[in-house]
């Protein structure tokens, strides 16, 4: 069987929007800084983790206005194989128990920083009832009621968001919130909720 290539999402190399009001020298310095700091975040594709085909093709939207952060409220996973298996289990639960068309989240992220494709970019998810039509749902694998998310997971999600903006999948001035902000739930857990703003900091 031909080995599938792992998707790479590239950290944007453009200067931030607010830099346009600065001098040319300042803009050039920031541009060089971002190029030097360019990194990649690895995305495990649906094909790689063996995702079941959705019951029907999901609705699409052109650009997410908001990003809603979740936790999966499951035991943590420590290896890629374990985390991929966990994502497959979550998809089965969403499709069989909840009767959804597919896994509810757009992306999921493991403690080691690995990002797993759920419904992917531009697809309407099933992660926050009444708020799915214009939002991207990202779930941290694990339970963060009393455990803090890893630095690697936070860094990967931050890079994923910046890449989404640079590619036009996310509005530059996007809103970011936890699931509890739009629904009657403790999700994404107190420890993760307390650090959400780090995902938008420069």
C-alpha atoms as a PDB file:
ATOM      1  CA  UNK A   1       0.000   0.000   0.000  1.00  0.00           C
ATOM      2  CA  UNK A   2       1.360   3.415  -0.905  1.00  0.00           C
ATOM      3  CA  UNK A   3       2.222   5.448   2.158  1.00  0.00           C
ATOM      4  CA  UNK A   4       0.155   8.606   2.470  1.00  0.00           C
ATOM      5  CA  UNK A   5       1.969  11.891   2.872  1.00  0.00           C
ATOM      6  CA  UNK A   6       1.396  13.805   6.086  1.00  0.00           C
ATOM      7  CA  UNK A   7      -0.149  17.203   5.589  1.00  0.00           C
ATOM      8  CA  UNK A   8       1.865  20.201   6.714  1.00  0.00           C
ATOM      9  CA  UNK A   9       0.330  23.531   7.665  1.00  0.00           C
ATOM     10  CA  UNK A  10       2.829  26.341   7.432  1.00  0.00           C
ATOM     11  CA  UNK A  11       3.160  29.121   9.958  1.00  0.00           C
ATOM     12  CA  UNK A  12       2.292  32.367   8.142  1.00  0.00           C
ATOM     13  CA  UNK A  13       5.257  34.469   7.081  1.00  0.00           C
ATOM     14  CA  UNK A  14       3.388  37.742   6.604  1.00  0.00           C
ATOM     15  CA  UNK A  15       3.511  40.663   8.985  1.00  0.00           C
ATOM     16  CA  UNK A  16       0.588  41.165  11.357  1.00  0.00           C
ATOM     17  CA  UNK A  17      -2.222  43.492  10.154  1.00  0.00           C
ATOM     18  CA  UNK A  18      -1.406  46.178  12.711  1.00  0.00           C
ATOM     19  CA  UNK A  19       2.129  46.581  11.317  1.00  0.00           C
ATOM     20  CA  UNK A  20       0.845  48.340   8.186  1.00  0.00           C
ATOM     21  CA  UNK A  21       0.719  51.625  10.071  1.00  0.00           C
ATOM     22  CA  UNK A  22       4.384  51.355  11.036  1.00  0.00           C
ATOM     23  CA  UNK A  23       7.467  52.465   9.163  1.00  0.00           C
ATOM     24  CA  UNK A  24       8.855  50.459   6.280  1.00  0.00           C
ATOM     25  CA  UNK A  25      11.891  49.467   8.364  1.00  0.00           C
ATOM     26  CA  UNK A  26       9.689  48.159  11.169  1.00  0.00           C
ATOM     27  CA  UNK A  27       7.558  46.162   8.748  1.00  0.00           C
ATOM     28  CA  UNK A  28      10.633  44.666   7.126  1.00  0.00           C
ATOM     29  CA  UNK A  29      12.077  43.711  10.520  1.00  0.00           C
ATOM     30  CA  UNK A  30       8.852  41.966  11.537  1.00  0.00           C
ATOM     31  CA  UNK A  31       8.658  40.169   8.206  1.00  0.00           C
ATOM     32  CA  UNK A  32      12.205  38.866   8.659  1.00  0.00           C
ATOM     33  CA  UNK A  33      11.373  37.830  12.227  1.00  0.00           C
ATOM     34  CA  UNK A  34       8.380  35.764  11.124  1.00  0.00           C
ATOM     35  CA  UNK A  35      10.342  34.098   8.342  1.00  0.00           C
ATOM     36  CA  UNK A  36      13.077  33.166  10.781  1.00  0.00           C
ATOM     37  CA  UNK A  37      10.521  31.803  13.252  1.00  0.00           C
ATOM     38  CA  UNK A  38       8.619  29.872  10.571  1.00  0.00           C
ATOM     39  CA  UNK A  39       7.633  26.419  11.774  1.00  0.00           C
ATOM     40  CA  UNK A  40       5.191  23.748  10.724  1.00  0.00           C
ATOM     41  CA  UNK A  41       2.410  21.988  12.558  1.00  0.00           C
ATOM     42  CA  UNK A  42       1.738  18.447  11.464  1.00  0.00           C
ATOM     43  CA  UNK A  43      -1.805  17.440  10.579  1.00  0.00           C
ATOM     44  CA  UNK A  44      -2.822  13.799  10.523  1.00  0.00           C
ATOM     45  CA  UNK A  45      -5.307  13.515   7.657  1.00  0.00           C
ATOM     46  CA  UNK A  46      -8.617  11.675   7.801  1.00  0.00           C
ATOM     47  CA  UNK A  47      -7.210   9.026   5.497  1.00  0.00           C
ATOM     48  CA  UNK A  48      -4.238   8.495   7.791  1.00  0.00           C
ATOM     49  CA  UNK A  49      -6.318   7.894  10.899  1.00  0.00           C
ATOM     50  CA  UNK A  50      -8.837   5.762   9.047  1.00  0.00           C
ATOM     51  CA  UNK A  51     -11.861   8.019   9.332  1.00  0.00           C
ATOM     52  CA  UNK A  52     -15.190   6.564   8.321  1.00  0.00           C
ATOM     53  CA  UNK A  53     -16.866   8.321   5.412  1.00  0.00           C
ATOM     54  CA  UNK A  54     -19.444  10.901   6.554  1.00  0.00           C
ATOM     55  CA  UNK A  55     -23.077   9.970   6.148  1.00  0.00           C
ATOM     56  CA  UNK A  56     -23.433  12.978   3.887  1.00  0.00           C
ATOM     57  CA  UNK A  57     -21.192  15.781   2.649  1.00  0.00           C
ATOM     58  CA  UNK A  58     -21.112  18.532   5.295  1.00  0.00           C
ATOM     59  CA  UNK A  59     -22.325  22.042   4.601  1.00  0.00           C
ATOM     60  CA  UNK A  60     -19.587  24.548   3.846  1.00  0.00           C
ATOM     61  CA  UNK A  61     -18.871  28.137   4.825  1.00  0.00           C
ATOM     62  CA  UNK A  62     -16.277  30.390   3.259  1.00  0.00           C
ATOM     63  CA  UNK A  63     -14.611  31.873   6.331  1.00  0.00           C
ATOM     64  CA  UNK A  64     -14.993  31.148  10.039  1.00  0.00           C
ATOM     65  CA  UNK A  65     -16.026  34.174  12.084  1.00  0.00           C
ATOM     66  CA  UNK A  66     -15.364  32.444  15.411  1.00  0.00           C
ATOM     67  CA  UNK A  67     -13.257  29.660  16.871  1.00  0.00           C
ATOM     68  CA  UNK A  68     -14.778  27.586  19.670  1.00  0.00           C
ATOM     69  CA  UNK A  69     -12.416  25.571  21.863  1.00  0.00           C
ATOM     70  CA  UNK A  70     -13.439  22.231  23.393  1.00  0.00           C
ATOM     71  CA  UNK A  71     -11.972  19.335  25.278  1.00  0.00           C
ATOM     72  CA  UNK A  72     -12.991  15.788  24.465  1.00  0.00           C
ATOM     73  CA  UNK A  73     -13.521  14.938  28.167  1.00  0.00           C
ATOM     74  CA  UNK A  74     -11.754  11.622  27.632  1.00  0.00           C
ATOM     75  CA  UNK A  75      -8.626  10.095  29.183  1.00  0.00           C
ATOM     76  CA  UNK A  76      -5.414  11.646  27.892  1.00  0.00           C
ATOM     77  CA  UNK A  77      -3.349   9.807  25.277  1.00  0.00           C
ATOM     78  CA  UNK A  78       0.432   9.651  25.259  1.00  0.00           C
ATOM     79  CA  UNK A  79       1.358   8.268  21.833  1.00  0.00           C
ATOM     80  CA  UNK A  80       0.317   9.031  18.289  1.00  0.00           C
ATOM     81  CA  UNK A  81      -1.186   5.575  17.771  1.00  0.00           C
ATOM     82  CA  UNK A  82      -3.187   5.888  20.986  1.00  0.00           C
ATOM     83  CA  UNK A  83      -4.404   9.379  20.100  1.00  0.00           C
ATOM     84  CA  UNK A  84      -5.385   8.369  16.567  1.00  0.00           C
ATOM     85  CA  UNK A  85      -7.305   5.434  18.015  1.00  0.00           C
ATOM     86  CA  UNK A  86      -9.008   7.827  20.428  1.00  0.00           C
ATOM     87  CA  UNK A  87     -10.098  10.101  17.565  1.00  0.00           C
ATOM     88  CA  UNK A  88     -11.543   7.123  15.687  1.00  0.00           C
ATOM     89  CA  UNK A  89     -13.449   6.152  18.832  1.00  0.00           C
ATOM     90  CA  UNK A  90     -14.796   9.698  19.189  1.00  0.00           C
ATOM     91  CA  UNK A  91     -15.991   9.623  15.581  1.00  0.00           C
ATOM     92  CA  UNK A  92     -17.804   6.313  16.159  1.00  0.00           C
ATOM     93  CA  UNK A  93     -19.505   7.758  19.221  1.00  0.00           C
ATOM     94  CA  UNK A  94     -20.576  10.901  17.420  1.00  0.00           C
ATOM     95  CA  UNK A  95     -21.963   8.962  14.455  1.00  0.00           C
ATOM     96  CA  UNK A  96     -23.615   6.063  16.293  1.00  0.00           C
ATOM     97  CA  UNK A  97     -24.649   7.419  19.676  1.00  0.00           C
ATOM     98  CA  UNK A  98     -25.299  11.056  18.780  1.00  0.00           C
ATOM     99  CA  UNK A  99     -26.472  10.187  15.238  1.00  0.00           C
ATOM    100  CA  UNK A 100     -24.343  12.932  13.696  1.00  0.00           C
ATOM    101  CA  UNK A 101     -23.150  12.742  10.105  1.00  0.00           C
ATOM    102  CA  UNK A 102     -19.471  12.735  11.090  1.00  0.00           C
ATOM    103  CA  UNK A 103     -17.124  13.580  13.939  1.00  0.00           C
ATOM    104  CA  UNK A 104     -18.285  16.901  15.327  1.00  0.00           C
ATOM    105  CA  UNK A 105     -14.998  18.834  15.499  1.00  0.00           C
ATOM    106  CA  UNK A 106     -13.051  20.441  12.677  1.00  0.00           C
ATOM    107  CA  UNK A 107      -9.704  19.583  14.271  1.00  0.00           C
ATOM    108  CA  UNK A 108      -8.426  17.793  17.359  1.00  0.00           C
ATOM    109  CA  UNK A 109      -5.062  18.268  19.058  1.00  0.00           C
ATOM    110  CA  UNK A 110      -3.010  15.868  21.173  1.00  0.00           C
ATOM    111  CA  UNK A 111      -0.720  16.668  24.101  1.00  0.00           C
ATOM    112  CA  UNK A 112       2.389  16.271  21.927  1.00  0.00           C
ATOM    113  CA  UNK A 113       1.091  18.982  19.588  1.00  0.00           C
ATOM    114  CA  UNK A 114      -0.097  16.673  16.813  1.00  0.00           C
ATOM    115  CA  UNK A 115      -3.170  18.063  15.065  1.00  0.00           C
ATOM    116  CA  UNK A 116      -5.711  15.582  13.695  1.00  0.00           C
ATOM    117  CA  UNK A 117      -8.119  16.521  10.928  1.00  0.00           C
ATOM    118  CA  UNK A 118     -11.778  16.158  11.844  1.00  0.00           C
ATOM    119  CA  UNK A 119     -14.201  17.750   9.400  1.00  0.00           C
ATOM    120  CA  UNK A 120     -11.394  20.075   8.325  1.00  0.00           C
ATOM    121  CA  UNK A 121     -11.374  23.632   7.025  1.00  0.00           C
ATOM    122  CA  UNK A 122     -14.580  25.253   5.813  1.00  0.00           C
ATOM    123  CA  UNK A 123     -16.920  22.483   6.977  1.00  0.00           C
ATOM    124  CA  UNK A 124     -19.860  23.173   9.269  1.00  0.00           C
ATOM    125  CA  UNK A 125     -19.299  21.055  12.358  1.00  0.00           C
ATOM    126  CA  UNK A 126     -21.516  19.655  15.100  1.00  0.00           C
ATOM    127  CA  UNK A 127     -19.603  20.882  18.131  1.00  0.00           C
ATOM    128  CA  UNK A 128     -21.662  23.740  19.596  1.00  0.00           C
ATOM    129  CA  UNK A 129     -25.414  23.598  19.068  1.00  0.00           C
ATOM    130  CA  UNK A 130     -26.770  26.755  17.473  1.00  0.00           C
ATOM    131  CA  UNK A 131     -23.274  28.083  16.813  1.00  0.00           C
ATOM    132  CA  UNK A 132     -21.873  25.816  14.120  1.00  0.00           C
ATOM    133  CA  UNK A 133     -22.800  27.778  11.011  1.00  0.00           C
ATOM    134  CA  UNK A 134     -19.905  30.263  11.201  1.00  0.00           C
ATOM    135  CA  UNK A 135     -17.435  28.719  13.632  1.00  0.00           C
ATOM    136  CA  UNK A 136     -14.471  26.375  13.678  1.00  0.00           C
ATOM    137  CA  UNK A 137     -14.471  23.763  16.427  1.00  0.00           C
ATOM    138  CA  UNK A 138     -11.107  22.679  17.829  1.00  0.00           C
ATOM    139  CA  UNK A 139     -10.941  20.041  20.562  1.00  0.00           C
ATOM    140  CA  UNK A 140      -8.016  19.296  22.871  1.00  0.00           C
ATOM    141  CA  UNK A 141      -7.793  15.559  23.494  1.00  0.00           C
ATOM    142  CA  UNK A 142      -8.185  14.918  27.217  1.00  0.00           C
ATOM    143  CA  UNK A 143      -9.957  16.292  30.261  1.00  0.00           C
ATOM    144  CA  UNK A 144      -8.887  19.740  31.456  1.00  0.00           C
ATOM    145  CA  UNK A 145     -11.082  20.268  34.493  1.00  0.00           C
ATOM    146  CA  UNK A 146      -8.045  19.900  36.757  1.00  0.00           C
ATOM    147  CA  UNK A 147      -5.179  19.245  34.340  1.00  0.00           C
ATOM    148  CA  UNK A 148      -3.556  22.040  32.342  1.00  0.00           C
ATOM    149  CA  UNK A 149      -3.044  21.660  28.571  1.00  0.00           C
ATOM    150  CA  UNK A 150       0.515  21.088  27.374  1.00  0.00           C
ATOM    151  CA  UNK A 151       2.621  23.881  25.935  1.00  0.00           C
ATOM    152  CA  UNK A 152       2.996  21.789  22.761  1.00  0.00           C
ATOM    153  CA  UNK A 153      -0.773  21.529  22.279  1.00  0.00           C
ATOM    154  CA  UNK A 154      -1.280  25.255  22.837  1.00  0.00           C
ATOM    155  CA  UNK A 155       1.534  26.129  20.429  1.00  0.00           C
ATOM    156  CA  UNK A 156       0.151  23.869  17.693  1.00  0.00           C
ATOM    157  CA  UNK A 157      -3.351  25.296  17.987  1.00  0.00           C
ATOM    158  CA  UNK A 158      -1.983  28.829  17.891  1.00  0.00           C
ATOM    159  CA  UNK A 159      -0.036  28.009  14.731  1.00  0.00           C
ATOM    160  CA  UNK A 160      -3.084  26.306  13.218  1.00  0.00           C
ATOM    161  CA  UNK A 161      -5.179  29.428  13.829  1.00  0.00           C
ATOM    162  CA  UNK A 162      -2.542  31.722  12.354  1.00  0.00           C
ATOM    163  CA  UNK A 163      -2.274  29.485   9.323  1.00  0.00           C
ATOM    164  CA  UNK A 164      -6.064  29.426   8.960  1.00  0.00           C
ATOM    165  CA  UNK A 165      -6.107  33.221   8.914  1.00  0.00           C
ATOM    166  CA  UNK A 166      -3.272  33.421   6.380  1.00  0.00           C
ATOM    167  CA  UNK A 167      -5.055  30.966   4.066  1.00  0.00           C
ATOM    168  CA  UNK A 168      -8.409  32.732   4.335  1.00  0.00           C
ATOM    169  CA  UNK A 169     -10.195  30.004   6.295  1.00  0.00           C
ATOM    170  CA  UNK A 170     -10.540  32.185   9.403  1.00  0.00           C
ATOM    171  CA  UNK A 171     -11.449  35.866   9.602  1.00  0.00           C
ATOM    172  CA  UNK A 172      -8.407  37.924  10.740  1.00  0.00           C
ATOM    173  CA  UNK A 173     -10.382  39.499  13.603  1.00  0.00           C
ATOM    174  CA  UNK A 174     -11.958  36.205  14.625  1.00  0.00           C
ATOM    175  CA  UNK A 175     -13.679  35.733  17.949  1.00  0.00           C
ATOM    176  CA  UNK A 176     -12.323  33.037  20.246  1.00  0.00           C
ATOM    177  CA  UNK A 177     -14.231  31.427  23.088  1.00  0.00           C
ATOM    178  CA  UNK A 178     -14.722  28.237  25.031  1.00  0.00           C
ATOM    179  CA  UNK A 179     -17.687  25.928  24.519  1.00  0.00           C
ATOM    180  CA  UNK A 180     -19.062  27.064  27.906  1.00  0.00           C
ATOM    181  CA  UNK A 181     -19.435  30.587  26.517  1.00  0.00           C
ATOM    182  CA  UNK A 182     -22.066  29.438  24.043  1.00  0.00           C
ATOM    183  CA  UNK A 183     -23.620  26.453  25.811  1.00  0.00           C
ATOM    184  CA  UNK A 184     -24.594  25.016  29.191  1.00  0.00           C
ATOM    185  CA  UNK A 185     -21.438  22.976  29.769  1.00  0.00           C
ATOM    186  CA  UNK A 186     -18.150  22.952  31.687  1.00  0.00           C
ATOM    187  CA  UNK A 187     -16.286  22.342  28.417  1.00  0.00           C
ATOM    188  CA  UNK A 188     -13.391  22.941  27.767  1.00  0.00           C
ATOM    189  CA  UNK A 189     -12.568  22.512  31.455  1.00  0.00           C
ATOM    190  CA  UNK A 190     -11.415  25.198  33.877  1.00  0.00           C
ATOM    191  CA  UNK A 191      -7.685  24.733  33.302  1.00  0.00           C
ATOM    192  CA  UNK A 192      -7.943  25.034  29.507  1.00  0.00           C
ATOM    193  CA  UNK A 193     -10.519  27.810  29.643  1.00  0.00           C
ATOM    194  CA  UNK A 194      -8.182  29.859  31.798  1.00  0.00           C
ATOM    195  CA  UNK A 195      -5.465  30.001  29.144  1.00  0.00           C
ATOM    196  CA  UNK A 196      -7.541  30.485  25.990  1.00  0.00           C
ATOM    197  CA  UNK A 197      -6.329  34.015  25.374  1.00  0.00           C
ATOM    198  CA  UNK A 198      -2.796  32.676  24.927  1.00  0.00           C
ATOM    199  CA  UNK A 199      -4.003  31.308  21.590  1.00  0.00           C
ATOM    200  CA  UNK A 200      -4.474  34.844  20.249  1.00  0.00           C
ATOM    201  CA  UNK A 201      -1.446  36.500  21.825  1.00  0.00           C
ATOM    202  CA  UNK A 202       1.498  37.435  19.616  1.00  0.00           C
END
